[in-house]
All heavy atoms as atom14 arrays in JSON, in Angstrom:
{
  "sequence": "LAKAEGIAVTAYSSFGPASFLEFGFKHAQALVPLMKDDLITSLAAK",
  "atom14_mask": [
    [1, 1, 1, 1, 1, 1, 1, 1, 0, 0, 0, 0, 0, 0],
    [1, 1, 1, 1, 1, 0, 0, 0, 0, 0, 0, 0, 0, 0],
    [1, 1, 1, 1, 1, 1, 1, 1, 1, 0, 0, 0, 0, 0],
    [1, 1, 1, 1, 1, 0, 0, 0, 0, 0, 0, 0, 0, 0],
    [1, 1, 1, 1, 1, 1, 1, 1, 1, 0, 0, 0, 0, 0],
    [1, 1, 1, 1, 0, 0, 0, 0, 0, 0, 0, 0, 0, 0],
    [1, 1, 1, 1, 1, 1, 1, 1, 0, 0, 0, 0, 0, 0],
    [1, 1, 1, 1, 1, 0, 0, 0, 0, 0, 0, 0, 0, 0],
    [1, 1, 1, 1, 1, 1, 1, 0, 0, 0, 0, 0, 0, 0],
    [1, 1, 1, 1, 1, 1, 1, 0, 0, 0, 0, 0, 0, 0],
    [1, 1, 1, 1, 1, 0, 0, 0, 0, 0, 0, 0, 0, 0],
    [1, 1, 1, 1, 1, 1, 1, 1, 1, 1, 1, 1, 0, 0],
    [1, 1, 1, 1, 1, 1, 0, 0, 0, 0, 0, 0, 0, 0],
    [1, 1, 1, 1, 1, 1, 0, 0, 0, 0, 0, 0, 0, 0],
    [1, 1, 1, 1, 1, 1, 1, 1, 1, 1, 1, 0, 0, 0],
    [1, 1, 1, 1, 0, 0, 0, 0, 0, 0, 0, 0, 0, 0],
    [1, 1, 1, 1, 1, 1, 1, 0, 0, 0, 0, 0, 0, 0],
    [1, 1, 1, 1, 1, 0, 0, 0, 0, 0, 0, 0, 0, 0],
    [1, 1, 1, 1, 1, 1, 0, 0, 0, 0, 0, 0, 0, 0],
    [1, 1, 1, 1, 1, 1, 1, 1, 1, 1, 1, 0, 0, 0],
    [1, 1, 1, 1, 1, 1, 1, 1, 0, 0, 0, 0, 0, 0],
    [1, 1, 1, 1, 1, 1, 1, 1, 1, 0, 0, 0, 0, 0],
    [1, 1, 1, 1, 1, 1, 1, 1, 1, 1, 1, 0, 0, 0],
    [1, 1, 1, 1, 0, 0, 0, 0, 0, 0, 0, 0, 0, 0],
    [1, 1, 1, 1, 1, 1, 1, 1, 1, 1, 1, 0, 0, 0],
    [1, 1, 1, 1, 1, 1, 1, 1, 1, 0, 0, 0, 0, 0],
    [1, 1, 1, 1, 1, 1, 1, 1, 1, 1, 0, 0, 0, 0],
    [1, 1, 1, 1, 1, 0, 0, 0, 0, 0, 0, 0, 0, 0],
    [1, 1, 1, 1, 1, 1, 1, 1, 1, 0, 0, 0, 0, 0],
    [1, 1, 1, 1, 1, 0, 0, 0, 0, 0, 0, 0, 0, 0],
    [1, 1, 1, 1, 1, 1, 1, 1, 0, 0, 0, 0, 0, 0],
    [1, 1, 1, 1, 1, 1, 1, 0, 0, 0, 0, 0, 0, 0],
    [1, 1, 1, 1, 1, 1, 1, 0, 0, 0, 0, 0, 0, 0],
    [1, 1, 1, 1, 1, 1, 1, 1, 0, 0, 0, 0, 0, 0],
    [1, 1, 1, 1, 1, 1, 1, 1, 0, 0, 0, 0, 0, 0],
    [1, 1, 1, 1, 1, 1, 1, 1, 1, 0, 0, 0, 0, 0],
    [1, 1, 1, 1, 1, 1, 1, 1, 0, 0, 0, 0, 0, 0],
    [1, 1, 1, 1, 1, 1, 1, 1, 0, 0, 0, 0, 0, 0],
    [1, 1, 1, 1, 1, 1, 1, 1, 0, 0, 0, 0, 0, 0],
    [1, 1, 1, 1, 1, 1, 1, 1, 0, 0, 0, 0, 0, 0],
    [1, 1, 1, 1, 1, 1, 1, 0, 0, 0, 0, 0, 0, 0],
    [1, 1, 1, 1, 1, 1, 0, 0, 0, 0, 0, 0, 0, 0],
    [1, 1, 1, 1, 1, 1, 1, 1, 0, 0, 0, 0, 0, 0],
    [1, 1, 1, 1, 1, 0, 0, 0, 0, 0, 0, 0, 0, 0],
    [1, 1, 1, 1, 1, 0, 0, 0, 0, 0, 0, 0, 0, 0],
    [1, 1, 1, 1, 1, 1, 1, 1, 1, 0, 0, 0, 0, 0]
  ],
  "atom14_positions": [
    [[8.01, -0.37, -18.19], [8.65, 0.7, -18.97], [9.96, 1.12, -18.31], [11.01, 1.23, -18.98], [7.7, 1.9, -19.07], [8.14, 3.12, -19.87], [6.92, 3.98, -20.24], [9.15, 4.01, -19.14], [0.0, 0.0, 0.0], [0.0, 0.0, 0.0], [0.0, 0.0, 0.0], [0.0, 0.0, 0.0], [0.0, 0.0, 0.0], [0.0, 0.0, 0.0]],
    [[9.91, 1.37, -17.01], [11.1, 1.86, -16.3], [12.24, 0.84, -16.39], [13.4, 1.2, -16.63], [10.75, 2.14, -14.84], [0.0, 0.0, 0.0], [0.0, 0.0, 0.0], [0.0, 0.0, 0.0], [0.0, 0.0, 0.0], [0.0, 0.0, 0.0], [0.0, 0.0, 0.0], [0.0, 0.0, 0.0], [0.0, 0.0, 0.0], [0.0, 0.0, 0.0]],
    [[11.9, -0.42, -16.23], [12.93, -1.46, -16.32], [13.55, -1.51, -17.7], [14.77, -1.61, -17.86], [12.33, -2.82, -15.95], [13.34, -3.94, -15.93], [12.7, -5.25, -15.47], [13.73, -6.38, -15.42], [13.13, -7.67, -14.95], [0.0, 0.0, 0.0], [0.0, 0.0, 0.0], [0.0, 0.0, 0.0], [0.0, 0.0, 0.0], [0.0, 0.0, 0.0]],
    [[12.71, -1.42, -18.72], [13.2, -1.49, -20.1], [14.1, -0.31, -20.44], [15.03, -0.43, -21.25], [12.03, -1.55, -21.07], [0.0, 0.0, 0.0], [0.0, 0.0, 0.0], [0.0, 0.0, 0.0], [0.0, 0.0, 0.0], [0.0, 0.0, 0.0], [0.0, 0.0, 0.0], [0.0, 0.0, 0.0], [0.0, 0.0, 0.0], [0.0, 0.0, 0.0]],
    [[13.83, 0.84, -19.82], [14.58, 2.05, -20.13], [15.71, 2.33, -19.13], [16.38, 3.36, -19.2], [13.62, 3.26, -20.18], [12.53, 3.15, -21.22], [13.06, 3.09, -22.64], [14.2, 3.54, -22.87], [12.34, 2.56, -23.52], [0.0, 0.0, 0.0], [0.0, 0.0, 0.0], [0.0, 0.0, 0.0], [0.0, 0.0, 0.0], [0.0, 0.0, 0.0]],
    [[15.91, 1.43, -18.18], [17.01, 1.58, -17.23], [16.78, 2.67, -16.2], [17.74, 3.3, -15.73], [0.0, 0.0, 0.0], [0.0, 0.0, 0.0], [0.0, 0.0, 0.0], [0.0, 0.0, 0.0], [0.0, 0.0, 0.0], [0.0, 0.0, 0.0], [0.0, 0.0, 0.0], [0.0, 0.0, 0.0], [0.0, 0.0, 0.0], [0.0, 0.0, 0.0]],
    [[15.53, 2.9, -15.83], [15.18, 3.91, -14.82], [14.83, 3.21, -13.52], [13.92, 2.37, -13.49], [13.99, 4.77, -15.31], [14.32, 5.44, -16.64], [13.64, 5.81, -14.25], [13.12, 6.14, -17.29], [0.0, 0.0, 0.0], [0.0, 0.0, 0.0], [0.0, 0.0, 0.0], [0.0, 0.0, 0.0], [0.0, 0.0, 0.0], [0.0, 0.0, 0.0]],
    [[15.54, 3.52, -12.45], [15.24, 2.92, -11.15], [13.91, 3.46, -10.63], [13.57, 4.62, -10.84], [16.35, 3.26, -10.15], [0.0, 0.0, 0.0], [0.0, 0.0, 0.0], [0.0, 0.0, 0.0], [0.0, 0.0, 0.0], [0.0, 0.0, 0.0], [0.0, 0.0, 0.0], [0.0, 0.0, 0.0], [0.0, 0.0, 0.0], [0.0, 0.0, 0.0]],
    [[13.17, 2.62, -9.93], [11.87, 3.01, -9.4], [11.9, 2.99, -7.88], [12.34, 2.02, -7.26], [10.75, 2.08, -9.9], [9.4, 2.45, -9.26], [10.64, 2.15, -11.42], [0.0, 0.0, 0.0], [0.0, 0.0, 0.0], [0.0, 0.0, 0.0], [0.0, 0.0, 0.0], [0.0, 0.0, 0.0], [0.0, 0.0, 0.0], [0.0, 0.0, 0.0]],
    [[11.42, 4.07, -7.29], [11.21, 4.14, -5.85], [9.71, 4.17, -5.57], [8.99, 4.97, -6.17], [11.86, 5.4, -5.25], [13.26, 5.35, -5.44], [11.56, 5.51, -3.76], [0.0, 0.0, 0.0], [0.0, 0.0, 0.0], [0.0, 0.0, 0.0], [0.0, 0.0, 0.0], [0.0, 0.0, 0.0], [0.0, 0.0, 0.0], [0.0, 0.0, 0.0]],
    [[9.27, 3.28, -4.69], [7.86, 3.22, -4.3], [7.62, 4.1, -3.08], [8.36, 4.03, -2.1], [7.48, 1.79, -3.96], [0.0, 0.0, 0.0], [0.0, 0.0, 0.0], [0.0, 0.0, 0.0], [0.0, 0.0, 0.0], [0.0, 0.0, 0.0], [0.0, 0.0, 0.0], [0.0, 0.0, 0.0], [0.0, 0.0, 0.0], [0.0, 0.0, 0.0]],
    [[6.6, 4.96, -3.17], [6.16, 5.67, -1.96], [4.77, 5.2, -1.57], [4.07, 4.57, -2.34], [6.25, 7.19, -2.12], [5.26, 7.85, -3.07], [3.92, 8.03, -2.72], [5.67, 8.34, -4.31], [3.03, 8.66, -3.56], [4.78, 8.98, -5.17], [3.45, 9.14, -4.78], [2.57, 9.76, -5.63], [0.0, 0.0, 0.0], [0.0, 0.0, 0.0]],
    [[4.4, 5.49, -0.33], [3.12, 5.06, 0.23], [2.98, 3.54, 0.15], [1.94, 3.02, -0.27], [1.93, 5.77, -0.45], [2.0, 7.16, -0.23], [0.0, 0.0, 0.0], [0.0, 0.0, 0.0], [0.0, 0.0, 0.0], [0.0, 0.0, 0.0], [0.0, 0.0, 0.0], [0.0, 0.0, 0.0], [0.0, 0.0, 0.0], [0.0, 0.0, 0.0]],
    [[4.01, 2.84, 0.56], [4.04, 1.37, 0.47], [2.95, 0.7, 1.29], [2.61, -0.46, 1.04], [5.41, 0.85, 0.93], [6.42, 1.25, 0.04], [0.0, 0.0, 0.0], [0.0, 0.0, 0.0], [0.0, 0.0, 0.0], [0.0, 0.0, 0.0], [0.0, 0.0, 0.0], [0.0, 0.0, 0.0], [0.0, 0.0, 0.0], [0.0, 0.0, 0.0]],
    [[2.41, 1.42, 2.28], [1.37, 0.84, 3.12], [-0.03, 1.24, 2.68], [-1.01, 1.07, 3.42], [1.62, 1.22, 4.59], [3.01, 0.87, 5.08], [3.71, 1.73, 5.9], [3.62, -0.31, 4.68], [4.99, 1.41, 6.34], [4.9, -0.64, 5.11], [5.59, 0.21, 5.94], [0.0, 0.0, 0.0], [0.0, 0.0, 0.0], [0.0, 0.0, 0.0]],
    [[-0.13, 1.8, 1.48], [-1.42, 2.07, 0.87], [-2.22, 3.14, 1.56], [-1.72, 4.25, 1.8], [0.0, 0.0, 0.0], [0.0, 0.0, 0.0], [0.0, 0.0, 0.0], [0.0, 0.0, 0.0], [0.0, 0.0, 0.0], [0.0, 0.0, 0.0], [0.0, 0.0, 0.0], [0.0, 0.0, 0.0], [0.0, 0.0, 0.0], [0.0, 0.0, 0.0]],
    [[-3.49, 2.85, 1.92], [-4.37, 3.88, 2.44], [-3.96, 4.48, 3.77], [-4.43, 5.56, 4.13], [-5.73, 3.16, 2.56], [-5.4, 1.71, 2.63], [-4.16, 1.54, 1.8], [0.0, 0.0, 0.0], [0.0, 0.0, 0.0], [0.0, 0.0, 0.0], [0.0, 0.0, 0.0], [0.0, 0.0, 0.0], [0.0, 0.0, 0.0], [0.0, 0.0, 0.0]],
    [[-3.06, 3.84, 4.5], [-2.71, 4.3, 5.85], [-2.23, 5.75, 5.86], [-2.53, 6.5, 6.8], [-1.62, 3.38, 6.43], [0.0, 0.0, 0.0], [0.0, 0.0, 0.0], [0.0, 0.0, 0.0], [0.0, 0.0, 0.0], [0.0, 0.0, 0.0], [0.0, 0.0, 0.0], [0.0, 0.0, 0.0], [0.0, 0.0, 0.0], [0.0, 0.0, 0.0]],
    [[-1.5, 6.17, 4.82], [-0.94, 7.53, 4.79], [-2.0, 8.59, 4.51], [-1.72, 9.78, 4.69], [0.14, 7.61, 3.7], [1.23, 6.77, 3.99], [0.0, 0.0, 0.0], [0.0, 0.0, 0.0], [0.0, 0.0, 0.0], [0.0, 0.0, 0.0], [0.0, 0.0, 0.0], [0.0, 0.0, 0.0], [0.0, 0.0, 0.0], [0.0, 0.0, 0.0]],
    [[-3.18, 8.18, 4.1], [-4.15, 9.15, 3.59], [-5.43, 9.25, 4.41], [-6.31, 10.04, 4.09], [-4.48, 8.82, 2.13], [-3.26, 8.8, 1.25], [-2.56, 7.61, 1.02], [-2.76, 9.96, 0.69], [-1.42, 7.58, 0.24], [-1.63, 9.96, -0.09], [-0.95, 8.77, -0.32], [0.0, 0.0, 0.0], [0.0, 0.0, 0.0], [0.0, 0.0, 0.0]],
    [[-5.52, 8.46, 5.47], [-6.73, 8.5, 6.3], [-6.95, 9.86, 6.91], [-8.09, 10.33, 7.03], [-6.63, 7.43, 7.4], [-6.63, 5.97, 6.91], [-6.36, 5.04, 8.08], [-7.95, 5.64, 6.23], [0.0, 0.0, 0.0], [0.0, 0.0, 0.0], [0.0, 0.0, 0.0], [0.0, 0.0, 0.0], [0.0, 0.0, 0.0], [0.0, 0.0, 0.0]],
    [[-5.86, 10.54, 7.29], [-5.98, 11.83, 7.96], [-6.57, 12.91, 7.06], [-7.02, 13.96, 7.53], [-4.62, 12.3, 8.47], [-3.61, 12.59, 7.39], [-2.2, 12.75, 7.95], [-1.58, 11.73, 8.29], [-1.76, 13.9, 8.06], [0.0, 0.0, 0.0], [0.0, 0.0, 0.0], [0.0, 0.0, 0.0], [0.0, 0.0, 0.0], [0.0, 0.0, 0.0]],
    [[-6.56, 12.67, 5.73], [-7.12, 13.63, 4.8], [-8.61, 13.42, 4.56], [-9.24, 14.16, 3.82], [-6.36, 13.58, 3.45], [-4.91, 13.89, 3.57], [-3.97, 12.9, 3.4], [-4.48, 15.18, 3.86], [-2.6, 13.16, 3.51], [-3.12, 15.47, 3.98], [-2.18, 14.46, 3.81], [0.0, 0.0, 0.0], [0.0, 0.0, 0.0], [0.0, 0.0, 0.0]],
    [[-9.15, 12.36, 5.19], [-10.58, 12.09, 5.04], [-10.96, 11.51, 3.7], [-12.14, 11.6, 3.29], [0.0, 0.0, 0.0], [0.0, 0.0, 0.0], [0.0, 0.0, 0.0], [0.0, 0.0, 0.0], [0.0, 0.0, 0.0], [0.0, 0.0, 0.0], [0.0, 0.0, 0.0], [0.0, 0.0, 0.0], [0.0, 0.0, 0.0], [0.0, 0.0, 0.0]],
    [[-10.01, 10.87, 2.99], [-10.32, 10.27, 1.7], [-11.27, 9.09, 1.93], [-10.93, 8.12, 2.6], [-9.05, 9.75, 1.02], [-8.09, 10.82, 0.56], [-6.9, 10.47, -0.05], [-8.37, 12.17, 0.72], [-6.01, 11.43, -0.51], [-7.5, 13.14, 0.28], [-6.3, 12.78, -0.33], [0.0, 0.0, 0.0], [0.0, 0.0, 0.0], [0.0, 0.0, 0.0]],
    [[-12.46, 9.18, 1.35], [-13.46, 8.14, 1.57], [-13.01, 6.8, 1.01], [-13.3, 5.75, 1.59], [-14.8, 8.58, 0.97], [-15.5, 9.68, 1.78], [-16.85, 10.01, 1.2], [-17.66, 10.91, 2.13], [-16.93, 12.12, 2.55], [0.0, 0.0, 0.0], [0.0, 0.0, 0.0], [0.0, 0.0, 0.0], [0.0, 0.0, 0.0], [0.0, 0.0, 0.0]],
    [[-12.31, 6.81, -0.13], [-11.89, 5.52, -0.7], [-10.77, 4.9, 0.13], [-10.62, 3.67, 0.13], [-11.53, 5.65, -2.17], [-10.38, 6.53, -2.5], [-10.17, 7.76, -1.93], [-9.35, 6.37, -3.38], [-9.1, 8.31, -2.43], [-8.57, 7.47, -3.31], [0.0, 0.0, 0.0], [0.0, 0.0, 0.0], [0.0, 0.0, 0.0], [0.0, 0.0, 0.0]],
    [[-10.02, 5.71, 0.86], [-9.01, 5.16, 1.77], [-9.67, 4.55, 2.99], [-9.3, 3.47, 3.46], [-8.02, 6.23, 2.17], [0.0, 0.0, 0.0], [0.0, 0.0, 0.0], [0.0, 0.0, 0.0], [0.0, 0.0, 0.0], [0.0, 0.0, 0.0], [0.0, 0.0, 0.0], [0.0, 0.0, 0.0], [0.0, 0.0, 0.0], [0.0, 0.0, 0.0]],
    [[-10.69, 5.25, 3.49], [-11.4, 4.77, 4.68], [-12.2, 3.49, 4.4], [-12.4, 2.67, 5.29], [-12.33, 5.86, 5.2], [-11.59, 7.11, 5.7], [-12.5, 8.31, 5.92], [-13.66, 8.33, 5.46], [-12.0, 9.32, 6.6], [0.0, 0.0, 0.0], [0.0, 0.0, 0.0], [0.0, 0.0, 0.0], [0.0, 0.0, 0.0], [0.0, 0.0, 0.0]],
    [[-12.61, 3.32, 3.16], [-13.46, 2.17, 2.81], [-12.67, 0.88, 2.65], [-13.25, -0.2, 2.68], [-14.24, 2.48, 1.53], [0.0, 0.0, 0.0], [0.0, 0.0, 0.0], [0.0, 0.0, 0.0], [0.0, 0.0, 0.0], [0.0, 0.0, 0.0], [0.0, 0.0, 0.0], [0.0, 0.0, 0.0], [0.0, 0.0, 0.0], [0.0, 0.0, 0.0]],
    [[-11.37, 0.99, 2.48], [-10.55, -0.19, 2.22], [-10.04, -0.81, 3.52], [-9.84, -0.12, 4.52], [-9.35, 0.19, 1.35], [-9.66, 0.54, -0.11], [-8.48, 1.22, -0.75], [-10.04, -0.73, -0.89], [0.0, 0.0, 0.0], [0.0, 0.0, 0.0], [0.0, 0.0, 0.0], [0.0, 0.0, 0.0], [0.0, 0.0, 0.0], [0.0, 0.0, 0.0]],
    [[-9.83, -2.11, 3.49], [-9.18, -2.78, 4.61], [-7.74, -2.29, 4.68], [-7.01, -2.33, 3.68], [-9.19, -4.31, 4.43], [-8.4, -4.99, 5.54], [-10.62, -4.82, 4.39], [0.0, 0.0, 0.0], [0.0, 0.0, 0.0], [0.0, 0.0, 0.0], [0.0, 0.0, 0.0], [0.0, 0.0, 0.0], [0.0, 0.0, 0.0], [0.0, 0.0, 0.0]],
    [[-7.28, -1.79, 5.84], [-5.88, -1.39, 5.95], [-4.96, -2.56, 5.59], [-5.2, -3.69, 6.02], [-5.73, -0.99, 7.42], [-7.12, -0.66, 7.87], [-8.02, -1.58, 7.09], [0.0, 0.0, 0.0], [0.0, 0.0, 0.0], [0.0, 0.0, 0.0], [0.0, 0.0, 0.0], [0.0, 0.0, 0.0], [0.0, 0.0, 0.0], [0.0, 0.0, 0.0]],
    [[-3.94, -2.28, 4.8], [-3.08, -3.37, 4.35], [-2.39, -4.08, 5.52], [-2.12, -5.27, 5.46], [-2.03, -2.84, 3.38], [-2.55, -2.54, 1.96], [-1.53, -1.77, 1.16], [-2.93, -3.84, 1.25], [0.0, 0.0, 0.0], [0.0, 0.0, 0.0], [0.0, 0.0, 0.0], [0.0, 0.0, 0.0], [0.0, 0.0, 0.0], [0.0, 0.0, 0.0]],
    [[-2.14, -3.35, 6.59], [-1.51, -3.97, 7.78], [-2.43, -4.99, 8.44], [-1.98, -5.84, 9.21], [-1.14, -2.89, 8.8], [-0.16, -1.87, 8.29], [1.52, -2.51, 8.19], [2.42, -0.96, 8.16], [0.0, 0.0, 0.0], [0.0, 0.0, 0.0], [0.0, 0.0, 0.0], [0.0, 0.0, 0.0], [0.0, 0.0, 0.0], [0.0, 0.0, 0.0]],
    [[-3.74, -4.9, 8.14], [-4.7, -5.82, 8.73], [-5.33, -6.75, 7.69], [-6.21, -7.55, 8.02], [-5.8, -5.03, 9.46], [-5.27, -4.21, 10.62], [-6.4, -3.45, 11.31], [-5.86, -2.64, 12.49], [-6.93, -1.87, 13.17], [0.0, 0.0, 0.0], [0.0, 0.0, 0.0], [0.0, 0.0, 0.0], [0.0, 0.0, 0.0], [0.0, 0.0, 0.0]],
    [[-4.87, -6.64, 6.46], [-5.4, -7.48, 5.38], [-5.11, -8.95, 5.68], [-4.02, -9.31, 6.14], [-4.75, -7.06, 4.07], [-5.17, -7.91, 2.9], [-6.26, -7.65, 2.35], [-4.43, -8.86, 2.58], [0.0, 0.0, 0.0], [0.0, 0.0, 0.0], [0.0, 0.0, 0.0], [0.0, 0.0, 0.0], [0.0, 0.0, 0.0], [0.0, 0.0, 0.0]],
    [[-6.07, -9.81, 5.41], [-5.93, -11.23, 5.73], [-4.71, -11.85, 5.06], [-3.97, -12.64, 5.68], [-7.19, -12.0, 5.32], [-8.37, -11.71, 6.24], [-8.15, -11.15, 7.34], [-9.51, -12.05, 5.87], [0.0, 0.0, 0.0], [0.0, 0.0, 0.0], [0.0, 0.0, 0.0], [0.0, 0.0, 0.0], [0.0, 0.0, 0.0], [0.0, 0.0, 0.0]],
    [[-4.5, -11.54, 3.79], [-3.36, -12.12, 3.09], [-2.04, -11.65, 3.7], [-1.14, -12.45, 3.97], [-3.39, -11.74, 1.61], [-2.16, -12.14, 0.78], [-1.98, -13.65, 0.78], [-2.26, -11.59, -0.64], [0.0, 0.0, 0.0], [0.0, 0.0, 0.0], [0.0, 0.0, 0.0], [0.0, 0.0, 0.0], [0.0, 0.0, 0.0], [0.0, 0.0, 0.0]],
    [[-1.94, -10.34, 3.92], [-0.68, -9.78, 4.44], [-0.39, -10.3, 5.85], [0.75, -10.67, 6.16], [-0.73, -8.25, 4.42], [-1.01, -7.71, 3.01], [0.58, -7.67, 4.96], [-0.03, -8.15, 1.96], [0.0, 0.0, 0.0], [0.0, 0.0, 0.0], [0.0, 0.0, 0.0], [0.0, 0.0, 0.0], [0.0, 0.0, 0.0], [0.0, 0.0, 0.0]],
    [[-1.42, -10.36, 6.69], [-1.2, -10.83, 8.06], [-0.86, -12.33, 8.08], [-0.06, -12.79, 8.89], [-2.4, -10.55, 8.95], [-3.59, -11.11, 8.35], [-2.6, -9.05, 9.13], [0.0, 0.0, 0.0], [0.0, 0.0, 0.0], [0.0, 0.0, 0.0], [0.0, 0.0, 0.0], [0.0, 0.0, 0.0], [0.0, 0.0, 0.0], [0.0, 0.0, 0.0]],
    [[-1.46, -13.1, 7.16], [-1.15, -14.53, 7.12], [0.28, -14.76, 6.65], [0.98, -15.66, 7.16], [-2.13, -15.26, 6.2], [-1.96, -14.88, 4.85], [0.0, 0.0, 0.0], [0.0, 0.0, 0.0], [0.0, 0.0, 0.0], [0.0, 0.0, 0.0], [0.0, 0.0, 0.0], [0.0, 0.0, 0.0], [0.0, 0.0, 0.0], [0.0, 0.0, 0.0]],
    [[0.74, -13.94, 5.71], [2.13, -14.05, 5.26], [3.1, -13.6, 6.34], [4.2, -14.17, 6.49], [2.34, -13.25, 3.98], [1.63, -13.77, 2.73], [1.84, -12.83, 1.56], [2.13, -15.17, 2.37], [0.0, 0.0, 0.0], [0.0, 0.0, 0.0], [0.0, 0.0, 0.0], [0.0, 0.0, 0.0], [0.0, 0.0, 0.0], [0.0, 0.0, 0.0]],
    [[2.71, -12.58, 7.11], [3.55, -12.15, 8.23], [3.73, -13.29, 9.22], [4.85, -13.54, 9.71], [2.94, -10.93, 8.91], [0.0, 0.0, 0.0], [0.0, 0.0, 0.0], [0.0, 0.0, 0.0], [0.0, 0.0, 0.0], [0.0, 0.0, 0.0], [0.0, 0.0, 0.0], [0.0, 0.0, 0.0], [0.0, 0.0, 0.0], [0.0, 0.0, 0.0]],
    [[2.66, -14.01, 9.51], [2.76, -15.16, 10.42], [3.6, -16.27, 9.82], [4.43, -16.88, 10.49], [1.35, -15.67, 10.74], [0.0, 0.0, 0.0], [0.0, 0.0, 0.0], [0.0, 0.0, 0.0], [0.0, 0.0, 0.0], [0.0, 0.0, 0.0], [0.0, 0.0, 0.0], [0.0, 0.0, 0.0], [0.0, 0.0, 0.0], [0.0, 0.0, 0.0]],
    [[3.43, -16.5, 8.52], [4.18, -17.56, 7.83], [5.67, -17.33, 7.88], [6.46, -18.27, 8.11], [3.71, -17.65, 6.37], [4.5, -18.62, 5.51], [3.96, -18.65, 4.08], [4.8, -19.55, 3.18], [4.24, -19.6, 1.8], [0.0, 0.0, 0.0], [0.0, 0.0, 0.0], [0.0, 0.0, 0.0], [0.0, 0.0, 0.0], [0.0, 0.0, 0.0]]
  ]
}
């Protein structure tokens, strides 16, 4: 939608659950941190 309407998009919380662990969000704690995700770490190595 934003692209079609010419609205620039800024992403926040790009690292996902990492920003929200301190709030005790259970769904954040249950997820693999993106910095340690197998796909992300394998691409970092690549």
